[in-house]
Every structure is written in structure tokens, then in C-alpha cells.
Amino acid sequence: MHYPNAHAVNADLHCHSTVSDGTLSPTEIATRAFENGVELWSLTDHDEIGGQEEAASAAKALGLAYVTGVEISVSWASETLHIVGLNFDPDDAALEAGLQQTRSGRARRAEQMGEQLRKVGIEGAFEGALSYAGNPNLVSRTHFARFLVERGICSDVRDVFSNYLIAGKPGFVEMQWATLAEAIGWIRAAGGVAVLAHPGRYRLSALEADVMVEEFMRLGGRAVEVITGSHNASQYRKYTALAQEFGLMGSRGSDFHSLGESHTDLGALPPLPDALTPVWHDWL
């Protein structure tokens, strides 16, 4: 498949299925992406590549170009970062071992979150969150949020994250994720490209952000997610300038999880700015 203008490709390289905290299966996500005009797709479940075979098979059946993907949780300073890995070997043993280690930490945290909520009078939160999880090893805050909405404790997921599951609120349990060096190392060793996901979401000062990006690059990170569902138009411009300043490629992805919860649907983002080299430039 050849595209004369890589920038014009409707690439969606960040979304989630029931394998992590989405509500659609990998096959259903592939179908929705295709029907929405996506031309290059990647499923990037949290710390898990168990959906890659189904995603690739579904994409092939639809004639949709596909690259492997994952979103790895990283502890950096006092912030949780997300690093998207793209176009790697899904059979790489070191990558799978690293992700397994990260998932085991998620399971322990989920049990502790349930206990914290029980202490404020919310019974059965862990079991309720587990009922929403397609993968019992990947019970996340999103699954707890859906339970709290179902119980009528909160009006919607945004309400949950104003009153629960965040620092200083009931149900928050701090987690030590992978290091930045580990996450980027796993992706690179598997032949993939490391992308800094949705930088607009991180609570970092300008100085901290520069230090983080410099470390990301020093460790082998090569791209930044400029066009993504949680960024607004001014952030598109801001992170285009950042990518240019640091010589990073640009990436694009909706971060789609669910029809009722996600800010942006698959394939609905504006194109990547012409000033940037698309991370997918050499893949099509």
C-alpha cells in the first residue's frame, strides 16, 4: 500500500480494547476503525499485547494496514507517564516478561483500591471493577470508575475522577510502574519505536517537561503524540513546536476506549501537521 502524502493518511495509533480497559473487542475496534475511514491502525492496550494477534487478523481481513502496539505505564519523578510502543515484534520474550511484571503490579493495586473504597463505605468495589474487566490481570481505575457510575455513586466517569481514585481522594493507591529506561528498552529491543503519549496530560513544569523529553530522547525515544483525543488545538501547536525543537517524529491517535466515555472517536482527529515527519513515514 503506497501513499504519496504520508501526512494525509488517516492513522490511528492509540486505542484500547477489552484486553485492557476498552469496551470493544479487538475485532470490534478494527471494524469501527475501518468504517470510520482509518487507513493505518494500531491497538495499544495498557501493558498487554494479548490482543495483537486478533487485531492483526481482523485488520488483514478488512484490508486495513496494521502495526503492533502497546501503551506502557511509567513512573517518572512524581508523575505517571505513558509510552506507546509501535511496530515491534510481538513475540519478543523480554518485552513480554517486562509487561508481565507490570501487570502483576496492577493486580495488587486493584485489590488495595477496593479495600480503600470499602473503608469509606463502598462495598464490593474490587469485585465490581473485576466484572468490567475483560482481563482480570488488568483491572484499572477505569473499571472502578464504571462500577461507581453503575452504583449511582457518581454521575459519569469524569465525576468519578473528580471525587475518587486520584491523589488525596478515596480509592487512590500509588503505583510504582516501569522506569522510562525499562519501557523504552523493551520497545527498542523488540524492534519497535517508542512514542511519548499525550504529553498534554502530564502535570509537569516547563523545566520538568524539558528534562523528561531530553531523557526520553537519550534513552532512544523517537516520537511524540501530537494529535490525540485529549489535546486541544492550542496543544496541537504546542507539541508540534516541541517535536520540531527536539527533532522528534509526530504521532496521531484517538486514545479511544468506549463510545460513551471517549472524547474522540476512532479516525476522527485532524491530520498531523505538515511540519512534522509522521512516525509511520517508512511503514507504508
C-alpha atoms as a PDB file:
ATOM      1  CA  MET A   1       0.000   0.000   0.000  1.00  0.00           C
ATOM      2  CA  HIS A   2       1.566   3.310  -1.094  1.00  0.00           C
ATOM      3  CA  TYR A   3       0.534   6.831  -0.136  1.00  0.00           C
ATOM      4  CA  PRO A   4       2.180   9.767  -1.946  1.00  0.00           C
ATOM      5  CA  ASN A   5       1.453  12.062   1.041  1.00  0.00           C
ATOM      6  CA  ALA A   6       2.104  10.345   4.376  1.00  0.00           C
ATOM      7  CA  HIS A   7       0.552  13.266   6.285  1.00  0.00           C
ATOM      8  CA  ALA A   8      -2.805  12.642   4.619  1.00  0.00           C
ATOM      9  CA  VAL A   9      -3.012   9.070   5.939  1.00  0.00           C
ATOM     10  CA  ASN A  10      -5.783   8.644   8.497  1.00  0.00           C
ATOM     11  CA  ALA A  11      -3.599   6.896  11.072  1.00  0.00           C
ATOM     12  CA  ASP A  12      -4.990   5.984  14.478  1.00  0.00           C
ATOM     13  CA  LEU A  13      -2.132   4.609  16.537  1.00  0.00           C
ATOM     14  CA  HIS A  14      -3.565   4.723  20.053  1.00  0.00           C
ATOM     15  CA  CYS A  15      -6.713   2.927  21.247  1.00  0.00           C
ATOM     16  CA  HIS A  16      -7.826   0.265  23.708  1.00  0.00           C
ATOM     17  CA  SER A  17      -9.893  -2.916  23.655  1.00  0.00           C
ATOM     18  CA  THR A  18     -11.400  -5.254  26.234  1.00  0.00           C
ATOM     19  CA  VAL A  19      -7.935  -6.762  26.586  1.00  0.00           C
ATOM     20  CA  SER A  20      -7.178  -3.749  28.810  1.00  0.00           C
ATOM     21  CA  ASP A  21      -9.754  -1.059  29.658  1.00  0.00           C
ATOM     22  CA  GLY A  22     -11.767  -0.587  26.474  1.00  0.00           C
ATOM     23  CA  THR A  23     -15.318  -1.849  25.959  1.00  0.00           C
ATOM     24  CA  LEU A  24     -14.963  -3.292  22.435  1.00  0.00           C
ATOM     25  CA  SER A  25     -13.050  -6.417  21.420  1.00  0.00           C
ATOM     26  CA  PRO A  26     -10.001  -6.093  19.156  1.00  0.00           C
ATOM     27  CA  THR A  27     -12.146  -7.264  16.215  1.00  0.00           C
ATOM     28  CA  GLU A  28     -14.869  -4.724  17.019  1.00  0.00           C
ATOM     29  CA  ILE A  29     -12.270  -1.950  17.310  1.00  0.00           C
ATOM     30  CA  ALA A  30     -10.795  -2.948  13.939  1.00  0.00           C
ATOM     31  CA  THR A  31     -14.229  -2.850  12.327  1.00  0.00           C
ATOM     32  CA  ARG A  32     -15.062   0.547  13.818  1.00  0.00           C
ATOM     33  CA  ALA A  33     -11.707   1.972  12.756  1.00  0.00           C
ATOM     34  CA  PHE A  34     -12.189   0.709   9.201  1.00  0.00           C
ATOM     35  CA  GLU A  35     -15.761   2.016   8.982  1.00  0.00           C
ATOM     36  CA  ASN A  36     -14.580   5.415  10.251  1.00  0.00           C
ATOM     37  CA  GLY A  37     -12.004   5.707   7.473  1.00  0.00           C
ATOM     38  CA  VAL A  38      -8.848   4.745   9.361  1.00  0.00           C
ATOM     39  CA  GLU A  39      -6.145   3.620   6.908  1.00  0.00           C
ATOM     40  CA  LEU A  40      -3.360   2.686   9.360  1.00  0.00           C
ATOM     41  CA  TRP A  41      -4.250   1.301  12.771  1.00  0.00           C
ATOM     42  CA  SER A  42      -2.641   0.045  15.954  1.00  0.00           C
ATOM     43  CA  LEU A  43      -4.232  -1.444  19.055  1.00  0.00           C
ATOM     44  CA  THR A  44      -2.293  -0.168  22.084  1.00  0.00           C
ATOM     45  CA  ASP A  45      -3.711  -1.868  25.163  1.00  0.00           C
ATOM     46  CA  HIS A  46      -2.236  -0.975  28.560  1.00  0.00           C
ATOM     47  CA  ASP A  47       0.788  -3.108  29.445  1.00  0.00           C
ATOM     48  CA  GLU A  48      -0.607  -6.022  27.439  1.00  0.00           C
ATOM     49  CA  ILE A  49      -0.118  -7.420  23.937  1.00  0.00           C
ATOM     50  CA  GLY A  50      -2.558 -10.314  24.258  1.00  0.00           C
ATOM     51  CA  GLY A  51      -4.915  -8.727  21.716  1.00  0.00           C
ATOM     52  CA  GLN A  52      -2.334  -8.270  18.978  1.00  0.00           C
ATOM     53  CA  GLU A  53      -2.974 -11.488  17.085  1.00  0.00           C
ATOM     54  CA  GLU A  54      -6.727 -10.893  16.931  1.00  0.00           C
ATOM     55  CA  ALA A  55      -6.235  -7.235  15.999  1.00  0.00           C
ATOM     56  CA  ALA A  56      -3.808  -8.019  13.191  1.00  0.00           C
ATOM     57  CA  SER A  57      -6.037 -10.798  11.845  1.00  0.00           C
ATOM     58  CA  ALA A  58      -9.134  -8.582  11.898  1.00  0.00           C
ATOM     59  CA  ALA A  59      -7.269  -5.747  10.191  1.00  0.00           C
ATOM     60  CA  LYS A  60      -5.974  -8.084   7.481  1.00  0.00           C
ATOM     61  CA  ALA A  61      -9.488  -9.362   6.776  1.00  0.00           C
ATOM     62  CA  LEU A  62     -10.654  -5.766   6.312  1.00  0.00           C
ATOM     63  CA  GLY A  63      -7.691  -4.690   4.181  1.00  0.00           C
ATOM     64  CA  LEU A  64      -6.641  -2.272   6.935  1.00  0.00           C
ATOM     65  CA  ALA A  65      -2.903  -1.623   7.356  1.00  0.00           C
ATOM     66  CA  TYR A  66      -1.805  -2.614  10.856  1.00  0.00           C
ATOM     67  CA  VAL A  67       1.225  -2.202  13.123  1.00  0.00           C
ATOM     68  CA  THR A  68       1.639  -3.780  16.552  1.00  0.00           C
ATOM     69  CA  GLY A  69       1.136  -1.547  19.571  1.00  0.00           C
ATOM     70  CA  VAL A  70       1.176  -1.290  23.361  1.00  0.00           C
ATOM     71  CA  GLU A  71       0.915   1.519  25.934  1.00  0.00           C
ATOM     72  CA  ILE A  72       3.338   1.080  28.818  1.00  0.00           C
ATOM     73  CA  SER A  73       2.841   2.788  32.186  1.00  0.00           C
ATOM     74  CA  VAL A  74       5.969   4.516  33.505  1.00  0.00           C
ATOM     75  CA  SER A  75       6.813   6.144  36.835  1.00  0.00           C
ATOM     76  CA  TRP A  76       8.891   9.289  36.297  1.00  0.00           C
ATOM     77  CA  ALA A  77       9.547  11.733  39.143  1.00  0.00           C
ATOM     78  CA  SER A  78       6.102  12.096  40.771  1.00  0.00           C
ATOM     79  CA  GLU A  79       4.154  11.554  37.544  1.00  0.00           C
ATOM     80  CA  THR A  80       2.832   8.536  35.670  1.00  0.00           C
ATOM     81  CA  LEU A  81       3.823   8.742  32.014  1.00  0.00           C
ATOM     82  CA  HIS A  82       2.612   6.577  29.160  1.00  0.00           C
ATOM     83  CA  ILE A  83       4.928   5.350  26.432  1.00  0.00           C
ATOM     84  CA  VAL A  84       3.377   3.880  23.313  1.00  0.00           C
ATOM     85  CA  GLY A  85       5.397   1.219  21.520  1.00  0.00           C
ATOM     86  CA  LEU A  86       4.695   0.735  17.823  1.00  0.00           C
ATOM     87  CA  ASN A  87       5.691  -1.730  15.104  1.00  0.00           C
ATOM     88  CA  PHE A  88       7.575  -4.183  17.337  1.00  0.00           C
ATOM     89  CA  ASP A  89       7.936  -7.960  17.322  1.00  0.00           C
ATOM     90  CA  PRO A  90       5.040  -9.234  19.495  1.00  0.00           C
ATOM     91  CA  ASP A  91       6.906 -12.467  20.167  1.00  0.00           C
ATOM     92  CA  ASP A  92       9.870 -10.748  21.834  1.00  0.00           C
ATOM     93  CA  ALA A  93      10.471 -12.534  25.150  1.00  0.00           C
ATOM     94  CA  ALA A  94      11.974  -9.571  27.022  1.00  0.00           C
ATOM     95  CA  LEU A  95       9.037  -7.333  26.113  1.00  0.00           C
ATOM     96  CA  GLU A  96       6.500  -9.913  27.269  1.00  0.00           C
ATOM     97  CA  ALA A  97       8.405 -10.506  30.518  1.00  0.00           C
ATOM     98  CA  GLY A  98       8.531  -6.793  31.259  1.00  0.00           C
ATOM     99  CA  LEU A  99       4.838  -6.346  30.576  1.00  0.00           C
ATOM    100  CA  GLN A 100       4.003  -9.341  32.758  1.00  0.00           C
ATOM    101  CA  GLN A 101       5.925  -7.766  35.614  1.00  0.00           C
ATOM    102  CA  THR A 102       3.978  -4.514  35.175  1.00  0.00           C
ATOM    103  CA  ARG A 103       0.623  -6.322  35.022  1.00  0.00           C
ATOM    104  CA  SER A 104       1.307  -8.154  38.283  1.00  0.00           C
ATOM    105  CA  GLY A 105       1.660  -4.769  39.965  1.00  0.00           C
ATOM    106  CA  ARG A 106      -1.706  -3.690  38.534  1.00  0.00           C
ATOM    107  CA  ALA A 107      -3.450  -6.682  40.105  1.00  0.00           C
ATOM    108  CA  ARG A 108      -2.068  -5.914  43.569  1.00  0.00           C
ATOM    109  CA  ARG A 109      -3.021  -2.256  43.247  1.00  0.00           C
ATOM    110  CA  ALA A 110      -6.597  -3.114  42.258  1.00  0.00           C
ATOM    111  CA  GLU A 111      -7.119  -5.149  45.433  1.00  0.00           C
ATOM    112  CA  GLN A 112      -5.768  -2.266  47.522  1.00  0.00           C
ATOM    113  CA  MET A 113      -8.058   0.201  45.736  1.00  0.00           C
ATOM    114  CA  GLY A 114     -11.052  -1.968  46.578  1.00  0.00           C
ATOM    115  CA  GLU A 115     -10.011  -2.014  50.229  1.00  0.00           C
ATOM    116  CA  GLN A 116      -9.609   1.783  50.294  1.00  0.00           C
ATOM    117  CA  LEU A 117     -13.117   2.248  48.898  1.00  0.00           C
ATOM    118  CA  ARG A 118     -14.526  -0.249  51.398  1.00  0.00           C
ATOM    119  CA  LYS A 119     -13.147   1.938  54.185  1.00  0.00           C
ATOM    120  CA  VAL A 120     -15.342   4.831  53.015  1.00  0.00           C
ATOM    121  CA  GLY A 121     -18.440   2.654  52.827  1.00  0.00           C
ATOM    122  CA  ILE A 122     -18.317   1.436  49.221  1.00  0.00           C
ATOM    123  CA  GLU A 123     -18.584  -2.328  49.416  1.00  0.00           C
ATOM    124  CA  GLY A 124     -17.737  -4.757  46.614  1.00  0.00           C
ATOM    125  CA  ALA A 125     -15.723  -2.281  44.547  1.00  0.00           C
ATOM    126  CA  PHE A 126     -12.953  -4.705  43.610  1.00  0.00           C
ATOM    127  CA  GLU A 127     -15.411  -7.404  42.556  1.00  0.00           C
ATOM    128  CA  GLY A 128     -17.499  -4.816  40.729  1.00  0.00           C
ATOM    129  CA  ALA A 129     -14.494  -3.454  38.851  1.00  0.00           C
ATOM    130  CA  LEU A 130     -13.409  -7.001  38.039  1.00  0.00           C
ATOM    131  CA  SER A 131     -16.785  -7.646  36.377  1.00  0.00           C
ATOM    132  CA  TYR A 132     -15.993  -4.901  33.855  1.00  0.00           C
ATOM    133  CA  ALA A 133     -12.504  -6.179  33.070  1.00  0.00           C
ATOM    134  CA  GLY A 134     -12.004  -8.444  30.086  1.00  0.00           C
ATOM    135  CA  ASN A 135      -8.578  -9.281  31.511  1.00  0.00           C
ATOM    136  CA  PRO A 136      -8.533  -9.957  35.293  1.00  0.00           C
ATOM    137  CA  ASN A 137      -4.837  -9.071  35.409  1.00  0.00           C
ATOM    138  CA  LEU A 138      -5.568  -5.582  34.111  1.00  0.00           C
ATOM    139  CA  VAL A 139      -8.208  -4.205  36.446  1.00  0.00           C
ATOM    140  CA  SER A 140      -7.696  -0.447  36.203  1.00  0.00           C
ATOM    141  CA  ARG A 141      -9.071   2.805  37.554  1.00  0.00           C
ATOM    142  CA  THR A 142     -11.361   2.932  34.522  1.00  0.00           C
ATOM    143  CA  HIS A 143     -13.024  -0.316  35.585  1.00  0.00           C
ATOM    144  CA  PHE A 144     -13.521   1.044  39.114  1.00  0.00           C
ATOM    145  CA  ALA A 145     -14.964   4.208  37.598  1.00  0.00           C
ATOM    146  CA  ARG A 146     -17.533   2.251  35.591  1.00  0.00           C
ATOM    147  CA  PHE A 147     -18.551   0.410  38.761  1.00  0.00           C
ATOM    148  CA  LEU A 148     -19.006   3.687  40.677  1.00  0.00           C
ATOM    149  CA  VAL A 149     -21.200   5.038  37.887  1.00  0.00           C
ATOM    150  CA  GLU A 150     -23.236   1.818  37.743  1.00  0.00           C
ATOM    151  CA  ARG A 151     -23.843   2.018  41.502  1.00  0.00           C
ATOM    152  CA  GLY A 152     -25.041   5.620  41.165  1.00  0.00           C
ATOM    153  CA  ILE A 153     -22.252   6.911  43.396  1.00  0.00           C
ATOM    154  CA  CYS A 154     -21.056   9.159  40.561  1.00  0.00           C
ATOM    155  CA  SER A 155     -22.923  10.564  37.571  1.00  0.00           C
ATOM    156  CA  ASP A 156     -20.280   9.725  34.969  1.00  0.00           C
ATOM    157  CA  VAL A 157     -16.627   8.776  34.615  1.00  0.00           C
ATOM    158  CA  ARG A 158     -15.485  12.413  34.736  1.00  0.00           C
ATOM    159  CA  ASP A 159     -17.338  12.828  38.032  1.00  0.00           C
ATOM    160  CA  VAL A 160     -15.507   9.770  39.368  1.00  0.00           C
ATOM    161  CA  PHE A 161     -12.106  11.271  38.625  1.00  0.00           C
ATOM    162  CA  SER A 162     -13.056  14.472  40.433  1.00  0.00           C
ATOM    163  CA  ASN A 163     -14.018  12.710  43.652  1.00  0.00           C
ATOM    164  CA  TYR A 164     -12.346   9.283  43.725  1.00  0.00           C
ATOM    165  CA  LEU A 165      -9.294   7.335  42.538  1.00  0.00           C
ATOM    166  CA  ILE A 166      -6.961  10.356  42.337  1.00  0.00           C
ATOM    167  CA  ALA A 167      -4.316  11.562  44.800  1.00  0.00           C
ATOM    168  CA  GLY A 168      -5.910  12.755  48.036  1.00  0.00           C
ATOM    169  CA  LYS A 169      -9.273  11.093  47.267  1.00  0.00           C
ATOM    170  CA  PRO A 170     -10.746   7.712  48.318  1.00  0.00           C
ATOM    171  CA  GLY A 171      -9.578   4.744  46.284  1.00  0.00           C
ATOM    172  CA  PHE A 172      -6.233   6.197  45.231  1.00  0.00           C
ATOM    173  CA  VAL A 173      -3.303   3.813  45.526  1.00  0.00           C
ATOM    174  CA  GLU A 174       0.070   4.986  44.300  1.00  0.00           C
ATOM    175  CA  MET A 175       1.747   2.583  41.911  1.00  0.00           C
ATOM    176  CA  GLN A 176       5.385   2.084  41.010  1.00  0.00           C
ATOM    177  CA  TRP A 177       5.346   1.359  37.293  1.00  0.00           C
ATOM    178  CA  ALA A 178       8.190   0.527  34.928  1.00  0.00           C
ATOM    179  CA  THR A 179      11.022   3.026  34.623  1.00  0.00           C
ATOM    180  CA  LEU A 180      11.382   5.109  31.483  1.00  0.00           C
ATOM    181  CA  ALA A 181      14.592   3.242  30.667  1.00  0.00           C
ATOM    182  CA  GLU A 182      12.861  -0.143  31.034  1.00  0.00           C
ATOM    183  CA  ALA A 183       9.855   0.756  28.862  1.00  0.00           C
ATOM    184  CA  ILE A 184      11.893   2.263  26.053  1.00  0.00           C
ATOM    185  CA  GLY A 185      14.430  -0.545  26.316  1.00  0.00           C
ATOM    186  CA  TRP A 186      11.742  -3.234  25.918  1.00  0.00           C
ATOM    187  CA  ILE A 187      10.252  -1.498  22.883  1.00  0.00           C
ATOM    188  CA  ARG A 188      13.588  -0.903  21.159  1.00  0.00           C
ATOM    189  CA  ALA A 189      14.862  -4.437  21.851  1.00  0.00           C
ATOM    190  CA  ALA A 190      11.719  -5.753  20.148  1.00  0.00           C
ATOM    191  CA  GLY A 191      12.473  -3.626  17.078  1.00  0.00           C
ATOM    192  CA  GLY A 192       9.793  -1.014  17.773  1.00  0.00           C
ATOM    193  CA  VAL A 193       9.524   2.756  18.046  1.00  0.00           C
ATOM    194  CA  ALA A 194       8.883   4.458  21.402  1.00  0.00           C
ATOM    195  CA  VAL A 195       6.362   7.320  21.367  1.00  0.00           C
ATOM    196  CA  LEU A 196       5.642   9.754  24.210  1.00  0.00           C
ATOM    197  CA  ALA A 197       1.861   9.547  24.585  1.00  0.00           C
ATOM    198  CA  HIS A 198      -0.460  12.566  25.154  1.00  0.00           C
ATOM    199  CA  PRO A 199       2.125  14.921  26.734  1.00  0.00           C
ATOM    200  CA  GLY A 200      -0.583  17.497  27.469  1.00  0.00           C
ATOM    201  CA  ARG A 201      -1.931  15.298  30.258  1.00  0.00           C
ATOM    202  CA  TYR A 202       1.182  15.354  32.443  1.00  0.00           C
ATOM    203  CA  ARG A 203       1.367  17.692  35.430  1.00  0.00           C
ATOM    204  CA  LEU A 204       4.928  18.839  34.873  1.00  0.00           C
ATOM    205  CA  SER A 205       6.509  22.279  34.976  1.00  0.00           C
ATOM    206  CA  ALA A 206       8.112  23.569  31.764  1.00  0.00           C
ATOM    207  CA  LEU A 207      11.549  22.685  33.151  1.00  0.00           C
ATOM    208  CA  GLU A 208      10.451  19.194  34.225  1.00  0.00           C
ATOM    209  CA  ALA A 209       8.876  18.607  30.811  1.00  0.00           C
ATOM    210  CA  ASP A 210      12.106  19.550  29.035  1.00  0.00           C
ATOM    211  CA  VAL A 211      14.132  17.264  31.309  1.00  0.00           C
ATOM    212  CA  MET A 212      11.671  14.437  30.700  1.00  0.00           C
ATOM    213  CA  VAL A 213      11.779  14.835  26.906  1.00  0.00           C
ATOM    214  CA  GLU A 214      15.580  15.021  26.933  1.00  0.00           C
ATOM    215  CA  GLU A 215      15.742  11.787  28.953  1.00  0.00           C
ATOM    216  CA  PHE A 216      13.163  10.174  26.664  1.00  0.00           C
ATOM    217  CA  MET A 217      15.347  11.004  23.656  1.00  0.00           C
ATOM    218  CA  ARG A 218      18.617   9.983  25.336  1.00  0.00           C
ATOM    219  CA  LEU A 219      17.117   6.554  26.040  1.00  0.00           C
ATOM    220  CA  GLY A 220      16.053   6.118  22.419  1.00  0.00           C
ATOM    221  CA  GLY A 221      12.541   7.586  22.242  1.00  0.00           C
ATOM    222  CA  ARG A 222      11.804   8.836  18.736  1.00  0.00           C
ATOM    223  CA  ALA A 223       8.330  10.344  18.501  1.00  0.00           C
ATOM    224  CA  VAL A 224       5.679  12.316  20.368  1.00  0.00           C
ATOM    225  CA  GLU A 225       1.898  12.035  20.153  1.00  0.00           C
ATOM    226  CA  VAL A 226       0.914  15.470  18.868  1.00  0.00           C
ATOM    227  CA  ILE A 227      -2.627  14.841  17.611  1.00  0.00           C
ATOM    228  CA  THR A 228      -4.557  12.899  20.235  1.00  0.00           C
ATOM    229  CA  GLY A 229      -8.010  12.799  21.767  1.00  0.00           C
ATOM    230  CA  SER A 230      -7.070  14.639  24.969  1.00  0.00           C
ATOM    231  CA  HIS A 231      -5.283  17.533  23.225  1.00  0.00           C
ATOM    232  CA  ASN A 232      -6.967  20.734  22.073  1.00  0.00           C
ATOM    233  CA  ALA A 233      -5.975  22.932  19.115  1.00  0.00           C
ATOM    234  CA  SER A 234      -3.500  25.013  21.124  1.00  0.00           C
ATOM    235  CA  GLN A 235      -1.836  21.821  22.365  1.00  0.00           C
ATOM    236  CA  TYR A 236      -1.558  20.569  18.788  1.00  0.00           C
ATOM    237  CA  ARG A 237       0.509  23.694  18.085  1.00  0.00           C
ATOM    238  CA  LYS A 238       2.468  23.438  21.325  1.00  0.00           C
ATOM    239  CA  TYR A 239       3.550  19.838  20.785  1.00  0.00           C
ATOM    240  CA  THR A 240       4.236  20.380  17.106  1.00  0.00           C
ATOM    241  CA  ALA A 241       6.742  23.029  18.217  1.00  0.00           C
ATOM    242  CA  LEU A 242       8.162  20.661  20.848  1.00  0.00           C
ATOM    243  CA  ALA A 243       8.621  17.897  18.281  1.00  0.00           C
ATOM    244  CA  GLN A 244      10.392  20.331  15.960  1.00  0.00           C
ATOM    245  CA  GLU A 245      12.609  21.660  18.767  1.00  0.00           C
ATOM    246  CA  PHE A 246      13.754  18.180  19.801  1.00  0.00           C
ATOM    247  CA  GLY A 247      13.784  16.575  16.342  1.00  0.00           C
ATOM    248  CA  LEU A 248      11.078  14.049  17.152  1.00  0.00           C
ATOM    249  CA  MET A 249       8.633  12.472  14.732  1.00  0.00           C
ATOM    250  CA  GLY A 250       4.921  13.090  15.221  1.00  0.00           C
ATOM    251  CA  SER A 251       2.245  10.518  16.005  1.00  0.00           C
ATOM    252  CA  ARG A 252      -1.552  10.557  15.982  1.00  0.00           C
ATOM    253  CA  GLY A 253      -4.108   8.510  17.918  1.00  0.00           C
ATOM    254  CA  SER A 254      -7.598   8.932  19.325  1.00  0.00           C
ATOM    255  CA  ASP A 255      -6.958   7.107  22.651  1.00  0.00           C
ATOM    256  CA  PHE A 256     -10.398   5.598  22.073  1.00  0.00           C
ATOM    257  CA  HIS A 257     -11.777   3.404  24.885  1.00  0.00           C
ATOM    258  CA  SER A 258     -15.559   3.471  24.659  1.00  0.00           C
ATOM    259  CA  LEU A 259     -18.400   5.051  22.707  1.00  0.00           C
ATOM    260  CA  GLY A 260     -19.875   6.603  25.844  1.00  0.00           C
ATOM    261  CA  GLU A 261     -16.657   7.732  27.505  1.00  0.00           C
ATOM    262  CA  SER A 262     -14.064   8.722  24.929  1.00  0.00           C
ATOM    263  CA  HIS A 263     -13.579  12.323  23.887  1.00  0.00           C
ATOM    264  CA  THR A 264     -12.735  11.398  20.297  1.00  0.00           C
ATOM    265  CA  ASP A 265     -13.868   8.539  18.078  1.00  0.00           C
ATOM    266  CA  LEU A 266     -11.519   6.373  16.048  1.00  0.00           C
ATOM    267  CA  GLY A 267     -10.327   8.128  12.910  1.00  0.00           C
ATOM    268  CA  ALA A 268     -11.898  11.495  13.800  1.00  0.00           C
ATOM    269  CA  LEU A 269      -8.757  13.514  14.540  1.00  0.00           C
ATOM    270  CA  PRO A 270      -7.338  16.281  12.323  1.00  0.00           C
ATOM    271  CA  PRO A 271      -4.285  15.381  10.235  1.00  0.00           C
ATOM    272  CA  LEU A 272      -0.740  15.534  11.527  1.00  0.00           C
ATOM    273  CA  PRO A 273       0.833  18.954  10.737  1.00  0.00           C
ATOM    274  CA  ASP A 274       2.903  19.044   7.548  1.00  0.00           C
ATOM    275  CA  ALA A 275       5.860  20.413   9.530  1.00  0.00           C
ATOM    276  CA  LEU A 276       6.398  17.024  11.199  1.00  0.00           C
ATOM    277  CA  THR A 277       7.665  13.694   9.931  1.00  0.00           C
ATOM    278  CA  PRO A 278       4.972  11.087  10.645  1.00  0.00           C
ATOM    279  CA  VAL A 279       6.143   8.184  12.799  1.00  0.00           C
ATOM    280  CA  TRP A 280       4.605   5.939  10.116  1.00  0.00           C
ATOM    281  CA  HIS A 281       6.558   7.577   7.285  1.00  0.00           C
ATOM    282  CA  ASP A 282       8.563   4.437   6.456  1.00  0.00           C
ATOM    283  CA  TRP A 283       5.823   1.893   7.171  1.00  0.00           C
ATOM    284  CA  LEU A 284       3.566   2.362   4.166  1.00  0.00           C
END
